[in-house]
């Protein structure tokens, strides 16, 4: 499949900093929002990754700070992950060994279906379709590998020492 990049180990691939650009479309009302920020996947003691996302979400012209935390734990098959909410509740599995994965998550009366696609070593995308009695949404997120742009950003010590 063109444009899909297989990932033998999802946790190793995701580790590090990612720039995030997300659109949120409400299909019922036509409203559209936008999130811009960063996601950092940092190591956990159990071999998993802590996913910390922060940035600004703009909805109907109002910008607000937004953040979320997830845990990406080693999955049931080699190279996969068990994604959990910050409080430990299960969210979905993730297996990108083919470069593409579809995950489902029932949430009360709503149903979330996520499609994950890795495009290359530095780009991946998620598209979540959310349906339910009060929701009819599409959330599209583009991730680009990169260190956050700050004045004090420095390369890792291993690079500085070369």
Protein backbone atom coordinates (compact mmCIF):
# COMPACT_ATOMS: atom_id res chain seq x y z
CA UNK A 1 0.00 0.00 0.00
CA UNK A 2 1.53 3.34 -1.06
CA UNK A 3 2.20 5.91 1.66
CA UNK A 4 2.30 3.35 4.47
CA UNK A 5 5.49 2.65 6.40
CA UNK A 6 5.63 -0.51 8.56
CA UNK A 7 6.88 -0.07 12.14
CA UNK A 8 8.39 -3.18 13.78
CA UNK A 9 8.17 -1.71 17.32
CA UNK A 10 5.56 0.99 17.97
CA UNK A 11 7.03 2.07 21.33
CA UNK A 12 10.54 2.54 19.93
CA UNK A 13 9.11 4.43 16.95
CA UNK A 14 6.95 6.85 18.95
CA UNK A 15 9.56 7.74 21.62
CA UNK A 16 10.50 11.42 21.57
CA UNK A 17 8.92 14.74 20.60
CA UNK A 18 6.20 15.28 17.98
CA UNK A 19 4.53 18.43 16.69
CA UNK A 20 0.76 17.98 16.57
CA UNK A 21 -1.84 19.57 14.28
CA UNK A 22 -5.46 18.40 14.76
CA UNK A 23 -8.74 19.41 13.16
CA UNK A 24 -12.03 18.59 14.84
CA UNK A 25 -15.12 18.66 12.64
CA UNK A 26 -18.64 18.42 14.03
CA UNK A 27 -20.52 16.82 11.14
CA UNK A 28 -23.93 17.67 12.64
CA UNK A 29 -23.38 21.41 13.10
CA UNK A 30 -20.58 22.05 10.59
CA UNK A 31 -18.43 23.64 13.32
CA UNK A 32 -14.70 23.12 13.10
CA UNK A 33 -11.97 23.41 15.70
CA UNK A 34 -8.19 23.23 15.66
CA UNK A 35 -5.54 22.02 18.10
CA UNK A 36 -1.85 22.89 17.72
CA UNK A 37 0.79 21.71 20.15
CA UNK A 38 3.25 18.99 21.00
CA UNK A 39 3.24 15.41 22.18
CA UNK A 40 6.14 13.95 24.11
CA UNK A 41 6.49 10.18 24.50
CA UNK A 42 8.85 9.63 27.44
CA UNK A 43 9.99 6.31 28.97
CA UNK A 44 8.12 4.67 31.84
CA UNK A 45 9.81 2.26 34.26
CA UNK A 46 7.66 -0.65 32.99
CA UNK A 47 9.02 -0.36 29.44
CA UNK A 48 6.11 1.70 28.17
CA UNK A 49 5.81 5.36 27.25
CA UNK A 50 4.06 8.29 28.89
CA UNK A 51 2.23 10.32 26.22
CA UNK A 52 1.86 13.97 27.27
CA UNK A 53 0.10 16.28 24.84
CA UNK A 54 -0.25 20.02 25.35
CA UNK A 55 -1.15 22.99 23.22
CA UNK A 56 -3.99 25.30 22.28
CA UNK A 57 -7.45 24.20 21.16
CA UNK A 58 -9.55 26.76 19.29
CA UNK A 59 -13.29 26.12 19.01
CA UNK A 60 -15.74 28.63 17.56
CA UNK A 61 -13.10 31.36 17.75
CA UNK A 62 -12.21 30.78 21.41
CA UNK A 63 -8.65 29.56 22.11
CA UNK A 64 -7.98 27.61 25.30
CA UNK A 65 -5.05 25.60 26.67
CA UNK A 66 -5.58 21.85 26.28
CA UNK A 67 -3.71 18.78 27.42
CA UNK A 68 -4.07 15.05 27.84
CA UNK A 69 -2.00 12.19 29.16
CA UNK A 70 -2.05 8.57 28.01
CA UNK A 71 0.07 5.52 28.78
CA UNK A 72 1.41 3.38 25.94
CA UNK A 73 2.35 0.03 27.51
CA UNK A 74 3.93 -3.02 25.87
CA UNK A 75 1.18 -4.89 24.01
CA UNK A 76 0.22 -8.55 23.81
CA UNK A 77 2.19 -9.15 20.61
CA UNK A 78 5.79 -8.13 19.79
CA UNK A 79 6.08 -4.48 18.72
CA UNK A 80 2.50 -3.55 19.71
CA UNK A 81 1.13 -1.30 22.45
CA UNK A 82 -1.72 -1.33 24.94
CA UNK A 83 -2.94 2.29 25.11
CA UNK A 84 -4.51 3.38 28.39
CA UNK A 85 -5.93 6.56 29.83
CA UNK A 86 -3.87 8.31 32.53
CA UNK A 87 -5.95 6.61 35.26
CA UNK A 88 -5.21 3.14 33.83
CA UNK A 89 -8.52 2.47 32.09
CA UNK A 90 -8.12 0.69 28.72
CA UNK A 91 -8.39 2.85 25.58
CA UNK A 92 -7.27 0.71 22.62
CA UNK A 93 -4.58 -1.60 21.25
CA UNK A 94 -2.07 -0.35 18.68
CA UNK A 95 -0.12 -2.49 16.24
CA UNK A 96 1.68 -0.61 13.47
CA UNK A 97 3.75 -3.53 12.13
CA UNK A 98 1.90 -3.16 8.80
CA UNK A 99 2.05 0.67 8.99
CA UNK A 100 -1.70 0.92 9.43
CA UNK A 101 -4.11 -0.04 12.22
CA UNK A 102 -7.80 0.38 13.06
CA UNK A 103 -8.85 0.53 16.71
CA UNK A 104 -12.29 0.70 18.30
CA UNK A 105 -13.25 2.20 21.65
CA UNK A 106 -16.80 2.12 23.05
CA UNK A 107 -17.36 5.01 25.46
CA UNK A 108 -20.74 5.06 27.21
CA UNK A 109 -23.26 5.61 24.39
CA UNK A 110 -20.58 6.81 21.95
CA UNK A 111 -18.35 4.74 19.67
CA UNK A 112 -14.85 5.77 18.61
CA UNK A 113 -13.08 4.22 15.62
CA UNK A 114 -9.48 5.28 15.05
CA UNK A 115 -7.38 4.71 11.97
CA UNK A 116 -3.61 5.04 12.46
CA UNK A 117 -1.29 5.40 9.48
CA UNK A 118 2.50 5.76 9.54
CA UNK A 119 3.71 7.59 6.44
CA UNK A 120 7.47 7.47 7.11
CA UNK A 121 9.94 7.67 9.99
CA UNK A 122 8.88 11.22 10.87
CA UNK A 123 5.16 11.44 9.96
CA UNK A 124 2.06 9.62 11.15
CA UNK A 125 -1.65 10.35 11.27
CA UNK A 126 -4.73 9.40 13.21
CA UNK A 127 -8.33 9.82 12.11
CA UNK A 128 -10.95 9.22 14.79
CA UNK A 129 -14.60 8.96 13.81
CA UNK A 130 -16.87 9.48 16.83
CA UNK A 131 -20.56 8.68 16.71
CA UNK A 132 -23.28 8.55 19.31
CA UNK A 133 -26.48 10.18 20.46
CA UNK A 134 -24.79 13.54 21.07
CA UNK A 135 -21.64 13.26 18.92
CA UNK A 136 -20.92 13.14 15.21
CA UNK A 137 -17.25 14.09 14.94
CA UNK A 138 -14.14 13.52 12.86
CA UNK A 139 -10.78 14.26 14.51
CA UNK A 140 -7.79 14.24 12.16
CA UNK A 141 -4.33 14.55 13.70
CA UNK A 142 -1.02 14.93 11.88
CA UNK A 143 2.17 14.18 13.84
CA UNK A 144 5.60 15.37 12.67
CA UNK A 145 8.72 14.33 14.56
CA UNK A 146 10.62 17.27 15.97
CA UNK A 147 11.92 19.03 19.01
CA UNK A 148 9.76 21.89 20.29
CA UNK A 149 11.04 25.25 19.14
CA UNK A 150 12.37 27.04 22.21
CA UNK A 151 15.23 29.43 22.74
CA UNK A 152 16.98 27.02 25.08
CA UNK A 153 16.50 23.87 22.99
CA UNK A 154 19.74 21.91 22.74
CA UNK A 155 20.60 18.67 20.98
CA UNK A 156 20.86 15.58 23.18
CA UNK A 157 24.11 15.21 25.14
CA UNK A 158 25.23 12.38 22.84
CA UNK A 159 25.12 14.78 19.87
CA UNK A 160 26.73 17.72 21.74
CA UNK A 161 29.66 15.52 22.80
CA UNK A 162 30.56 14.49 19.24
